[in-house]
PDB file of N, CA and C in Angstrom:
ATOM      1  N   UNK A   1     -19.113  32.954  13.164  1.00  0.00           N
ATOM      2  CA  UNK A   1     -20.932  34.037  12.508  1.00  0.00           C
ATOM      3  C   UNK A   1     -20.035  35.211  12.422  1.00  0.00           C
ATOM      4  N   UNK A   2     -19.841  36.081  13.336  1.00  0.00           N
ATOM      5  CA  UNK A   2     -19.231  37.265  13.059  1.00  0.00           C
ATOM      6  C   UNK A   2     -18.487  37.864  11.211  1.00  0.00           C
ATOM      7  N   UNK A   3     -17.419  37.049  11.084  1.00  0.00           N
ATOM      8  CA  UNK A   3     -17.185  37.106  10.113  1.00  0.00           C
ATOM      9  C   UNK A   3     -17.893  36.333   8.637  1.00  0.00           C
ATOM     10  N   UNK A   4     -19.106  35.540   8.885  1.00  0.00           N
ATOM     11  CA  UNK A   4     -19.614  35.351   8.125  1.00  0.00           C
ATOM     12  C   UNK A   4     -20.260  36.424   7.825  1.00  0.00           C
ATOM     13  N   UNK A   5     -20.641  36.914   8.299  1.00  0.00           N
ATOM     14  CA  UNK A   5     -21.048  38.854   8.457  1.00  0.00           C
ATOM     15  C   UNK A   5     -20.804  39.408   7.290  1.00  0.00           C
ATOM     16  N   UNK A   6     -19.775  39.788   7.727  1.00  0.00           N
ATOM     17  CA  UNK A   6     -18.357  40.583   7.637  1.00  0.00           C
ATOM     18  C   UNK A   6     -18.466  40.503   6.004  1.00  0.00           C
ATOM     19  N   UNK A   7     -17.965  39.154   6.060  1.00  0.00           N
ATOM     20  CA  UNK A   7     -17.680  38.265   4.510  1.00  0.00           C
ATOM     21  C   UNK A   7     -18.958  38.584   3.304  1.00  0.00           C
ATOM     22  N   UNK A   8     -20.415  38.193   4.056  1.00  0.00           N
ATOM     23  CA  UNK A   8     -21.341  38.840   4.058  1.00  0.00           C
ATOM     24  C   UNK A   8     -21.463  40.112   3.430  1.00  0.00           C
ATOM     25  N   UNK A   9     -21.166  40.881   4.204  1.00  0.00           N
ATOM     26  CA  UNK A   9     -21.046  42.959   3.483  1.00  0.00           C
ATOM     27  C   UNK A   9     -20.010  42.558   2.699  1.00  0.00           C
ATOM     28  N   UNK A  10     -19.046  42.233   2.833  1.00  0.00           N
ATOM     29  CA  UNK A  10     -17.842  43.271   1.952  1.00  0.00           C
ATOM     30  C   UNK A  10     -18.593  42.155   0.316  1.00  0.00           C
ATOM     31  N   UNK A  11     -19.484  40.611  -0.289  1.00  0.00           N
ATOM     32  CA  UNK A  11     -19.397  40.724  -1.074  1.00  0.00           C
ATOM     33  C   UNK A  11     -19.892  41.463  -2.098  1.00  0.00           C
ATOM     34  N   UNK A  12     -21.929  41.835  -0.994  1.00  0.00           N
ATOM     35  CA  UNK A  12     -22.330  42.751  -1.450  1.00  0.00           C
ATOM     36  C   UNK A  12     -21.813  43.824  -2.241  1.00  0.00           C
ATOM     37  N   UNK A  13     -20.590  44.212  -1.422  1.00  0.00           N
ATOM     38  CA  UNK A  13     -20.339  45.378  -2.139  1.00  0.00           C
ATOM     39  C   UNK A  13     -19.714  45.183  -3.336  1.00  0.00           C
ATOM     40  N   UNK A  14     -18.886  43.839  -3.473  1.00  0.00           N
ATOM     41  CA  UNK A  14     -18.909  43.420  -4.754  1.00  0.00           C
ATOM     42  C   UNK A  14     -19.766  42.895  -6.288  1.00  0.00           C
ATOM     43  N   UNK A  15     -20.373  42.661  -5.208  1.00  0.00           N
ATOM     44  CA  UNK A  15     -21.727  42.317  -5.832  1.00  0.00           C
ATOM     45  C   UNK A  15     -22.185  43.123  -7.012  1.00  0.00           C
ATOM     46  N   UNK A  16     -22.186  45.113  -6.366  1.00  0.00           N
ATOM     47  CA  UNK A  16     -22.285  46.288  -7.056  1.00  0.00           C
ATOM     48  C   UNK A  16     -21.496  47.063  -8.829  1.00  0.00           C
ATOM     49  N   UNK A  17     -20.640  46.500  -7.972  1.00  0.00           N
ATOM     50  CA  UNK A  17     -19.718  46.907  -9.181  1.00  0.00           C
ATOM     51  C   UNK A  17     -19.252  45.257 -10.400  1.00  0.00           C
ATOM     52  N   UNK A  18     -19.784  44.200  -9.076  1.00  0.00           N
ATOM     53  CA  UNK A  18     -19.284  42.869 -10.464  1.00  0.00           C
ATOM     54  C   UNK A  18     -20.346  42.642 -10.902  1.00  0.00           C
ATOM     55  N   UNK A  19     -20.587  42.107 -12.089  1.00  0.00           N
ATOM     56  CA  UNK A  19     -21.751  42.500 -12.681  1.00  0.00           C
ATOM     57  C   UNK A  19     -22.173  41.538 -13.537  1.00  0.00           C
ATOM     58  N   UNK A  20     -21.503  40.335 -14.204  1.00  0.00           N
ATOM     59  CA  UNK A  20     -21.791  39.761 -14.975  1.00  0.00           C
ATOM     60  C   UNK A  20     -21.761  38.300 -14.393  1.00  0.00           C
ATOM     61  N   UNK A  21     -22.229  37.626 -15.466  1.00  0.00           N
ATOM     62  CA  UNK A  21     -22.838  35.980 -15.123  1.00  0.00           C
ATOM     63  C   UNK A  21     -21.683  35.136 -14.756  1.00  0.00           C
ATOM     64  N   UNK A  22     -20.797  35.912 -14.535  1.00  0.00           N
ATOM     65  CA  UNK A  22     -19.676  34.528 -13.256  1.00  0.00           C
ATOM     66  C   UNK A  22     -20.085  35.601 -12.550  1.00  0.00           C
ATOM     67  N   UNK A  23     -20.110  36.517 -11.899  1.00  0.00           N
ATOM     68  CA  UNK A  23     -20.717  36.512 -10.058  1.00  0.00           C
ATOM     69  C   UNK A  23     -20.949  35.769 -10.356  1.00  0.00           C
ATOM     70  N   UNK A  24     -22.390  35.206 -10.627  1.00  0.00           N
ATOM     71  CA  UNK A  24     -23.744  35.022 -10.129  1.00  0.00           C
ATOM     72  C   UNK A  24     -23.003  33.382 -10.177  1.00  0.00           C
ATOM     73  N   UNK A  25     -22.249  32.927 -11.192  1.00  0.00           N
ATOM     74  CA  UNK A  25     -22.541  31.177 -11.365  1.00  0.00           C
ATOM     75  C   UNK A  25     -21.579  31.442  -9.566  1.00  0.00           C
ATOM     76  N   UNK A  26     -20.516  31.777  -9.338  1.00  0.00           N
ATOM     77  CA  UNK A  26     -19.246  32.510  -7.887  1.00  0.00           C
ATOM     78  C   UNK A  26     -20.098  32.192  -6.740  1.00  0.00           C
ATOM     79  N   UNK A  27     -21.687  33.309  -6.978  1.00  0.00           N
ATOM     80  CA  UNK A  27     -22.643  33.640  -5.673  1.00  0.00           C
ATOM     81  C   UNK A  27     -22.794  32.085  -5.807  1.00  0.00           C
ATOM     82  N   UNK A  28     -23.159  31.732  -6.877  1.00  0.00           N
ATOM     83  CA  UNK A  28     -25.028  30.121  -6.409  1.00  0.00           C
ATOM     84  C   UNK A  28     -23.182  28.703  -6.591  1.00  0.00           C
ATOM     85  N   UNK A  29     -22.471  28.463  -6.706  1.00  0.00           N
ATOM     86  CA  UNK A  29     -21.116  27.762  -6.761  1.00  0.00           C
ATOM     87  C   UNK A  29     -20.660  26.968  -5.120  1.00  0.00           C
ATOM     88  N   UNK A  30     -20.038  28.703  -4.747  1.00  0.00           N
ATOM     89  CA  UNK A  30     -19.550  28.675  -3.077  1.00  0.00           C
ATOM     90  C   UNK A  30     -20.124  29.094  -1.951  1.00  0.00           C
ATOM     91  N   UNK A  31     -20.764  30.778  -2.998  1.00  0.00           N
ATOM     92  CA  UNK A  31     -21.372  31.256  -1.335  1.00  0.00           C
ATOM     93  C   UNK A  31     -22.335  31.186  -0.717  1.00  0.00           C
ATOM     94  N   UNK A  32     -23.672  30.571  -1.791  1.00  0.00           N
ATOM     95  CA  UNK A  32     -24.807  30.866  -1.314  1.00  0.00           C
ATOM     96  C   UNK A  32     -24.776  29.199  -0.087  1.00  0.00           C
ATOM     97  N   UNK A  33     -23.846  28.271  -0.611  1.00  0.00           N
ATOM     98  CA  UNK A  33     -24.238  27.306   0.349  1.00  0.00           C
ATOM     99  C   UNK A  33     -22.698  26.851   1.473  1.00  0.00           C
ATOM    100  N   UNK A  34     -22.135  28.037   0.990  1.00  0.00           N
ATOM    101  CA  UNK A  34     -22.040  27.947   3.299  1.00  0.00           C
ATOM    102  C   UNK A  34     -23.007  29.578   3.559  1.00  0.00           C
ATOM    103  N   UNK A  35     -23.082  30.564   3.065  1.00  0.00           N
ATOM    104  CA  UNK A  35     -23.614  31.637   3.819  1.00  0.00           C
ATOM    105  C   UNK A  35     -26.159  29.966   4.546  1.00  0.00           C
ATOM    106  N   UNK A  36     -25.142  29.266   3.539  1.00  0.00           N
ATOM    107  CA  UNK A  36     -27.095  28.325   4.390  1.00  0.00           C
ATOM    108  C   UNK A  36     -25.565  26.792   5.584  1.00  0.00           C
ATOM    109  N   UNK A  37     -24.397  26.546   4.880  1.00  0.00           N
ATOM    110  CA  UNK A  37     -24.102  26.257   6.532  1.00  0.00           C
ATOM    111  C   UNK A  37     -23.571  26.109   7.781  1.00  0.00           C
ATOM    112  N   UNK A  38     -23.441  27.899   7.781  1.00  0.00           N
ATOM    113  CA  UNK A  38     -23.123  28.223   8.628  1.00  0.00           C
ATOM    114  C   UNK A  38     -24.276  28.886   8.766  1.00  0.00           C
ATOM    115  N   UNK A  39     -25.227  29.139   8.415  1.00  0.00           N
ATOM    116  CA  UNK A  39     -26.743  29.771   9.921  1.00  0.00           C
ATOM    117  C   UNK A  39     -27.019  28.055  10.152  1.00  0.00           C
ATOM    118  N   UNK A  40     -26.955  27.419   9.762  1.00  0.00           N
ATOM    119  CA  UNK A  40     -27.459  26.173  10.522  1.00  0.00           C
ATOM    120  C   UNK A  40     -26.458  25.415  11.948  1.00  0.00           C
ATOM    121  N   UNK A  41     -24.732  25.185  11.095  1.00  0.00           N
ATOM    122  CA  UNK A  41     -24.653  25.236  12.428  1.00  0.00           C
ATOM    123  C   UNK A  41     -24.806  25.975  13.263  1.00  0.00           C
ATOM    124  N   UNK A  42     -25.473  28.229  12.985  1.00  0.00           N
ATOM    125  CA  UNK A  42     -24.817  28.931  14.320  1.00  0.00           C
ATOM    126  C   UNK A  42     -26.457  28.012  14.982  1.00  0.00           C
ATOM    127  N   UNK A  43     -27.124  27.535  14.440  1.00  0.00           N
ATOM    128  CA  UNK A  43     -28.734  27.227  15.015  1.00  0.00           C
ATOM    129  C   UNK A  43     -28.186  26.415  15.562  1.00  0.00           C
ATOM    130  N   UNK A  44     -27.935  25.021  15.347  1.00  0.00           N
ATOM    131  CA  UNK A  44     -27.516  23.403  16.081  1.00  0.00           C
ATOM    132  C   UNK A  44     -26.532  24.311  17.059  1.00  0.00           C
ATOM    133  N   UNK A  45     -24.923  25.270  16.375  1.00  0.00           N
ATOM    134  CA  UNK A  45     -24.320  25.843  18.078  1.00  0.00           C
ATOM    135  C   UNK A  45     -25.374  26.219  19.102  1.00  0.00           C
ATOM    136  N   UNK A  46     -26.435  26.976  19.081  1.00  0.00           N
ATOM    137  CA  UNK A  46     -27.394  27.542  19.253  1.00  0.00           C
ATOM    138  C   UNK A  46     -28.483  27.169  20.092  1.00  0.00           C
ATOM    139  N   UNK A  47     -28.618  25.149  20.082  1.00  0.00           N
ATOM    140  CA  UNK A  47     -29.079  24.291  20.243  1.00  0.00           C
ATOM    141  C   UNK A  47     -28.550  23.311  21.283  1.00  0.00           C
ATOM    142  N   UNK A  48     -27.057  23.464  21.581  1.00  0.00           N
ATOM    143  CA  UNK A  48     -25.845  22.827  21.540  1.00  0.00           C
ATOM    144  C   UNK A  48     -25.429  23.316  22.771  1.00  0.00           C
ATOM    145  N   UNK A  49     -25.823  24.721  22.904  1.00  0.00           N
ATOM    146  CA  UNK A  49     -25.334  25.183  24.159  1.00  0.00           C
ATOM    147  C   UNK A  49     -26.786  25.117  25.329  1.00  0.00           C
ATOM    148  N   UNK A  50     -28.166  25.708  24.149  1.00  0.00           N
ATOM    149  CA  UNK A  50     -28.632  25.718  25.442  1.00  0.00           C
ATOM    150  C   UNK A  50     -28.891  22.981  25.866  1.00  0.00           C
ATOM    151  N   UNK A  51     -29.204  22.392  25.151  1.00  0.00           N
ATOM    152  CA  UNK A  51     -28.400  21.204  26.699  1.00  0.00           C
ATOM    153  C   UNK A  51     -27.253  21.819  27.140  1.00  0.00           C
ATOM    154  N   UNK A  52     -25.766  22.138  26.699  1.00  0.00           N
ATOM    155  CA  UNK A  52     -25.034  22.744  27.720  1.00  0.00           C
ATOM    156  C   UNK A  52     -25.351  22.539  29.016  1.00  0.00           C
ATOM    157  N   UNK A  53     -26.185  23.851  29.292  1.00  0.00           N
ATOM    158  CA  UNK A  53     -26.260  25.170  30.314  1.00  0.00           C
ATOM    159  C   UNK A  53     -27.282  24.089  31.269  1.00  0.00           C
ATOM    160  N   UNK A  54     -28.686  24.075  30.660  1.00  0.00           N
ATOM    161  CA  UNK A  54     -29.510  22.514  31.096  1.00  0.00           C
ATOM    162  C   UNK A  54     -28.960  21.674  31.771  1.00  0.00           C
ATOM    163  N   UNK A  55     -27.822  20.893  31.180  1.00  0.00           N
ATOM    164  CA  UNK A  55     -27.409  19.353  31.404  1.00  0.00           C
ATOM    165  C   UNK A  55     -26.395  20.761  32.855  1.00  0.00           C
ATOM    166  N   UNK A  56     -25.621  21.380  32.853  1.00  0.00           N
ATOM    167  CA  UNK A  56     -25.226  21.742  34.142  1.00  0.00           C
ATOM    168  C   UNK A  56     -25.745  22.446  34.875  1.00  0.00           C
ATOM    169  N   UNK A  57     -27.803  22.695  34.997  1.00  0.00           N
ATOM    170  CA  UNK A  57     -28.125  23.146  36.394  1.00  0.00           C
ATOM    171  C   UNK A  57     -28.409  21.640  36.253  1.00  0.00           C
ATOM    172  N   UNK A  58     -29.270  20.847  35.652  1.00  0.00           N
ATOM    173  CA  UNK A  58     -29.746  19.803  36.030  1.00  0.00           C
ATOM    174  C   UNK A  58     -28.228  19.114  36.913  1.00  0.00           C
ATOM    175  N   UNK A  59     -27.087  18.665  36.476  1.00  0.00           N
ATOM    176  CA  UNK A  59     -26.318  18.040  38.110  1.00  0.00           C
ATOM    177  C   UNK A  59     -25.910  19.433  38.728  1.00  0.00           C
ATOM    178  N   UNK A  60     -26.433  20.793  39.109  1.00  0.00           N
ATOM    179  CA  UNK A  60     -26.601  20.979  40.402  1.00  0.00           C
ATOM    180  C   UNK A  60     -26.507  20.784  41.551  1.00  0.00           C
TER     181      UNK A  60
END
């Protein structure tokens, strides 16, 4: 997730200088889905971590 945050920062900097329709197309085609997928994966991993932690406690 840290790498995705770095990518997001760099992308925001790029958006300031790349201002044509191709930028918007690139963002829609590649980055919007990527950022959404990483967010969903992070949420799922946090839930999984909670389950694993609870399971370990229950087994002790």
